[in-house]
Amino acid sequence: MATVKDPTAPIRLEAGRFAGVDRGTACTQSSFKVGKKAFLYIGPQGGRFKAMLKLKGSIAEATRLAAKTPDRFEVSSMGWVTARFSEDEPLPKKLWKKWLDESYELAGAKPGAKKPTKKKTAKKKATGKKR
């Protein structure tokens, strides 16, 4: 029997790295909240997987995808976007990362509250002045 790789795992892992995130369960979906607002519902659905994210700035992009592939993308009137995918046809990483960041911010995350990143070392500028 072949094992199925869970294509939601990297998305859930990334969502859990944001600051102030609470994980829970809503029906059969994993939920991710910041404060009292959800920014991601994700899990299995009907033999494949789905992710629901709240979007604003990327809503036009999601609407175009929904028009092109309505079996994979759906946009609600409240800004929630449902993306359906499988192990064989996963969500493109660039797309889900962008949408995940946006959804997290829309949920009310404070500016700068994203996951920790590697610090860049500042280069010291030589002034050339003698004292």
C-alpha atoms as a PDB file:
ATOM      1  CA  MET A   1       0.000   0.000   0.000  1.00  0.00           C
ATOM      2  CA  ALA A   2       1.423   3.394  -0.993  1.00  0.00           C
ATOM      3  CA  THR A   3       1.659   6.061   1.653  1.00  0.00           C
ATOM      4  CA  VAL A   4       0.198   9.466   0.916  1.00  0.00           C
ATOM      5  CA  LYS A   5       2.399  12.463   1.613  1.00  0.00           C
ATOM      6  CA  ASP A   6       0.494  15.222   3.376  1.00  0.00           C
ATOM      7  CA  PRO A   7       0.857  18.374   1.231  1.00  0.00           C
ATOM      8  CA  THR A   8      -0.581  20.463   4.081  1.00  0.00           C
ATOM      9  CA  ALA A   9       2.381  19.740   6.373  1.00  0.00           C
ATOM     10  CA  PRO A  10       4.714  22.538   5.152  1.00  0.00           C
ATOM     11  CA  ILE A  11       1.851  25.059   5.217  1.00  0.00           C
ATOM     12  CA  ARG A  12       0.845  24.082   8.758  1.00  0.00           C
ATOM     13  CA  LEU A  13       4.477  24.188   9.871  1.00  0.00           C
ATOM     14  CA  GLU A  14       4.946  27.684   8.447  1.00  0.00           C
ATOM     15  CA  ALA A  15       1.666  28.938   9.985  1.00  0.00           C
ATOM     16  CA  GLY A  16       2.733  27.636  13.391  1.00  0.00           C
ATOM     17  CA  ARG A  17       5.948  29.671  13.256  1.00  0.00           C
ATOM     18  CA  PHE A  18       4.167  33.028  13.317  1.00  0.00           C
ATOM     19  CA  ALA A  19       4.239  34.918  16.609  1.00  0.00           C
ATOM     20  CA  GLY A  20       1.188  34.611  18.855  1.00  0.00           C
ATOM     21  CA  VAL A  21      -0.446  31.747  16.955  1.00  0.00           C
ATOM     22  CA  ASP A  22      -2.975  29.466  18.623  1.00  0.00           C
ATOM     23  CA  ARG A  23      -3.703  26.135  16.961  1.00  0.00           C
ATOM     24  CA  GLY A  24      -7.017  24.380  17.200  1.00  0.00           C
ATOM     25  CA  THR A  25      -9.503  22.246  15.329  1.00  0.00           C
ATOM     26  CA  ALA A  26     -12.684  23.262  13.546  1.00  0.00           C
ATOM     27  CA  CYS A  27     -14.637  20.254  12.287  1.00  0.00           C
ATOM     28  CA  THR A  28     -12.011  18.184  10.453  1.00  0.00           C
ATOM     29  CA  GLN A  29      -9.722  21.141   9.745  1.00  0.00           C
ATOM     30  CA  SER A  30      -6.745  22.449  11.669  1.00  0.00           C
ATOM     31  CA  SER A  31      -7.271  26.087  12.557  1.00  0.00           C
ATOM     32  CA  PHE A  32      -4.678  28.783  13.136  1.00  0.00           C
ATOM     33  CA  LYS A  33      -5.566  32.006  14.942  1.00  0.00           C
ATOM     34  CA  VAL A  34      -3.835  35.135  16.096  1.00  0.00           C
ATOM     35  CA  GLY A  35      -5.732  36.790  18.886  1.00  0.00           C
ATOM     36  CA  LYS A  36      -9.342  35.782  18.358  1.00  0.00           C
ATOM     37  CA  LYS A  37      -9.204  35.845  14.548  1.00  0.00           C
ATOM     38  CA  ALA A  38      -8.535  32.844  12.359  1.00  0.00           C
ATOM     39  CA  PHE A  39      -6.188  33.213   9.414  1.00  0.00           C
ATOM     40  CA  LEU A  40      -5.999  29.603   8.185  1.00  0.00           C
ATOM     41  CA  TYR A  41      -8.181  26.508   8.140  1.00  0.00           C
ATOM     42  CA  ILE A  42      -6.495  23.517   6.524  1.00  0.00           C
ATOM     43  CA  GLY A  43      -6.972  19.768   6.239  1.00  0.00           C
ATOM     44  CA  PRO A  44      -8.394  16.859   4.281  1.00  0.00           C
ATOM     45  CA  GLN A  45     -11.591  17.136   2.267  1.00  0.00           C
ATOM     46  CA  GLY A  46     -13.153  14.546  -0.010  1.00  0.00           C
ATOM     47  CA  GLY A  47     -10.023  12.648  -1.021  1.00  0.00           C
ATOM     48  CA  ARG A  48      -7.889  15.739  -1.377  1.00  0.00           C
ATOM     49  CA  PHE A  49      -6.971  18.728   0.800  1.00  0.00           C
ATOM     50  CA  LYS A  50      -8.137  22.290   1.242  1.00  0.00           C
ATOM     51  CA  ALA A  51      -6.833  25.496   2.731  1.00  0.00           C
ATOM     52  CA  MET A  52      -8.973  28.515   3.549  1.00  0.00           C
ATOM     53  CA  LEU A  53      -7.238  31.884   3.911  1.00  0.00           C
ATOM     54  CA  LYS A  54      -8.566  35.416   4.336  1.00  0.00           C
ATOM     55  CA  LEU A  55      -7.274  37.723   1.589  1.00  0.00           C
ATOM     56  CA  LYS A  56      -7.612  41.353   0.583  1.00  0.00           C
ATOM     57  CA  GLY A  57      -4.649  42.503  -1.502  1.00  0.00           C
ATOM     58  CA  SER A  58      -4.469  39.204  -3.398  1.00  0.00           C
ATOM     59  CA  ILE A  59      -8.208  38.796  -3.903  1.00  0.00           C
ATOM     60  CA  ALA A  60      -7.999  39.758  -7.613  1.00  0.00           C
ATOM     61  CA  GLU A  61      -5.358  37.080  -8.169  1.00  0.00           C
ATOM     62  CA  ALA A  62      -7.515  34.513  -6.346  1.00  0.00           C
ATOM     63  CA  THR A  63     -10.574  35.537  -8.384  1.00  0.00           C
ATOM     64  CA  ARG A  64      -8.636  35.013 -11.632  1.00  0.00           C
ATOM     65  CA  LEU A  65      -7.506  31.581 -10.445  1.00  0.00           C
ATOM     66  CA  ALA A  66     -11.096  30.711  -9.463  1.00  0.00           C
ATOM     67  CA  ALA A  67     -12.366  31.709 -12.915  1.00  0.00           C
ATOM     68  CA  LYS A  68      -9.655  29.643 -14.597  1.00  0.00           C
ATOM     69  CA  THR A  69      -9.831  26.568 -12.317  1.00  0.00           C
ATOM     70  CA  PRO A  70     -13.095  26.643 -10.299  1.00  0.00           C
ATOM     71  CA  ASP A  71     -12.558  23.071  -9.103  1.00  0.00           C
ATOM     72  CA  ARG A  72      -9.396  24.236  -7.276  1.00  0.00           C
ATOM     73  CA  PHE A  73     -10.129  27.810  -6.142  1.00  0.00           C
ATOM     74  CA  GLU A  74     -13.179  29.528  -4.722  1.00  0.00           C
ATOM     75  CA  VAL A  75     -13.576  33.106  -3.462  1.00  0.00           C
ATOM     76  CA  SER A  76     -16.290  34.070  -0.983  1.00  0.00           C
ATOM     77  CA  SER A  77     -17.926  37.477  -0.729  1.00  0.00           C
ATOM     78  CA  MET A  78     -16.268  37.896   2.697  1.00  0.00           C
ATOM     79  CA  GLY A  79     -12.708  37.546   1.335  1.00  0.00           C
ATOM     80  CA  TRP A  80     -12.116  33.923   2.312  1.00  0.00           C
ATOM     81  CA  VAL A  81     -10.389  31.942  -0.418  1.00  0.00           C
ATOM     82  CA  THR A  82     -10.600  28.172  -0.554  1.00  0.00           C
ATOM     83  CA  ALA A  83      -7.813  26.362  -2.376  1.00  0.00           C
ATOM     84  CA  ARG A  84      -8.158  22.636  -3.077  1.00  0.00           C
ATOM     85  CA  PHE A  85      -5.122  20.521  -3.844  1.00  0.00           C
ATOM     86  CA  SER A  86      -3.615  17.056  -3.666  1.00  0.00           C
ATOM     87  CA  GLU A  87      -0.261  15.371  -3.312  1.00  0.00           C
ATOM     88  CA  ASP A  88      -0.105  15.115  -7.108  1.00  0.00           C
ATOM     89  CA  GLU A  89      -1.228  18.711  -7.624  1.00  0.00           C
ATOM     90  CA  PRO A  90      -0.042  20.724  -4.587  1.00  0.00           C
ATOM     91  CA  LEU A  91      -0.412  24.457  -4.112  1.00  0.00           C
ATOM     92  CA  PRO A  92       2.604  26.300  -5.490  1.00  0.00           C
ATOM     93  CA  LYS A  93       4.849  27.233  -2.548  1.00  0.00           C
ATOM     94  CA  LYS A  94       5.280  30.826  -3.696  1.00  0.00           C
ATOM     95  CA  LEU A  95       1.488  31.255  -3.795  1.00  0.00           C
ATOM     96  CA  TRP A  96       0.653  29.720  -0.421  1.00  0.00           C
ATOM     97  CA  LYS A  97       3.495  31.562   1.336  1.00  0.00           C
ATOM     98  CA  LYS A  98       2.291  34.899  -0.025  1.00  0.00           C
ATOM     99  CA  TRP A  99      -1.336  34.182   0.863  1.00  0.00           C
ATOM    100  CA  LEU A 100      -0.421  32.843   4.314  1.00  0.00           C
ATOM    101  CA  ASP A 101       1.543  35.997   5.171  1.00  0.00           C
ATOM    102  CA  GLU A 102      -1.310  38.192   3.977  1.00  0.00           C
ATOM    103  CA  SER A 103      -3.959  36.230   5.860  1.00  0.00           C
ATOM    104  CA  TYR A 104      -1.908  36.357   9.066  1.00  0.00           C
ATOM    105  CA  GLU A 105      -1.537  40.123   8.779  1.00  0.00           C
ATOM    106  CA  LEU A 106      -5.250  40.588   8.048  1.00  0.00           C
ATOM    107  CA  ALA A 107      -6.096  38.647  11.201  1.00  0.00           C
ATOM    108  CA  GLY A 108      -4.665  41.537  13.147  1.00  0.00           C
ATOM    109  CA  ALA A 109      -1.088  40.538  13.744  1.00  0.00           C
ATOM    110  CA  LYS A 110       0.891  43.512  14.935  1.00  0.00           C
ATOM    111  CA  PRO A 111       3.443  44.890  12.474  1.00  0.00           C
ATOM    112  CA  GLY A 112       6.740  43.109  12.908  1.00  0.00           C
ATOM    113  CA  ALA A 113       5.072  40.170  14.676  1.00  0.00           C
ATOM    114  CA  LYS A 114       5.969  37.663  11.973  1.00  0.00           C
ATOM    115  CA  LYS A 115       8.151  34.689  12.618  1.00  0.00           C
ATOM    116  CA  PRO A 116      11.743  35.392  13.564  1.00  0.00           C
ATOM    117  CA  THR A 117      14.149  35.708  10.666  1.00  0.00           C
ATOM    118  CA  LYS A 118      17.895  35.595  10.492  1.00  0.00           C
ATOM    119  CA  LYS A 119      19.408  38.925  11.405  1.00  0.00           C
ATOM    120  CA  LYS A 120      21.477  40.620   8.782  1.00  0.00           C
ATOM    121  CA  THR A 121      24.696  42.099  10.014  1.00  0.00           C
ATOM    122  CA  ALA A 122      25.015  45.785   9.309  1.00  0.00           C
ATOM    123  CA  LYS A 123      28.104  46.878   7.473  1.00  0.00           C
ATOM    124  CA  LYS A 124      29.993  49.686   9.130  1.00  0.00           C
ATOM    125  CA  LYS A 125      30.708  52.594   6.870  1.00  0.00           C
ATOM    126  CA  ALA A 126      34.175  54.060   6.940  1.00  0.00           C
ATOM    127  CA  THR A 127      34.007  57.827   7.260  1.00  0.00           C
ATOM    128  CA  GLY A 128      37.551  58.444   6.261  1.00  0.00           C
ATOM    129  CA  LYS A 129      37.822  61.245   8.840  1.00  0.00           C
ATOM    130  CA  LYS A 130      40.859  61.483  11.052  1.00  0.00           C
ATOM    131  CA  ARG A 131      40.638  62.660  14.631  1.00  0.00           C
END
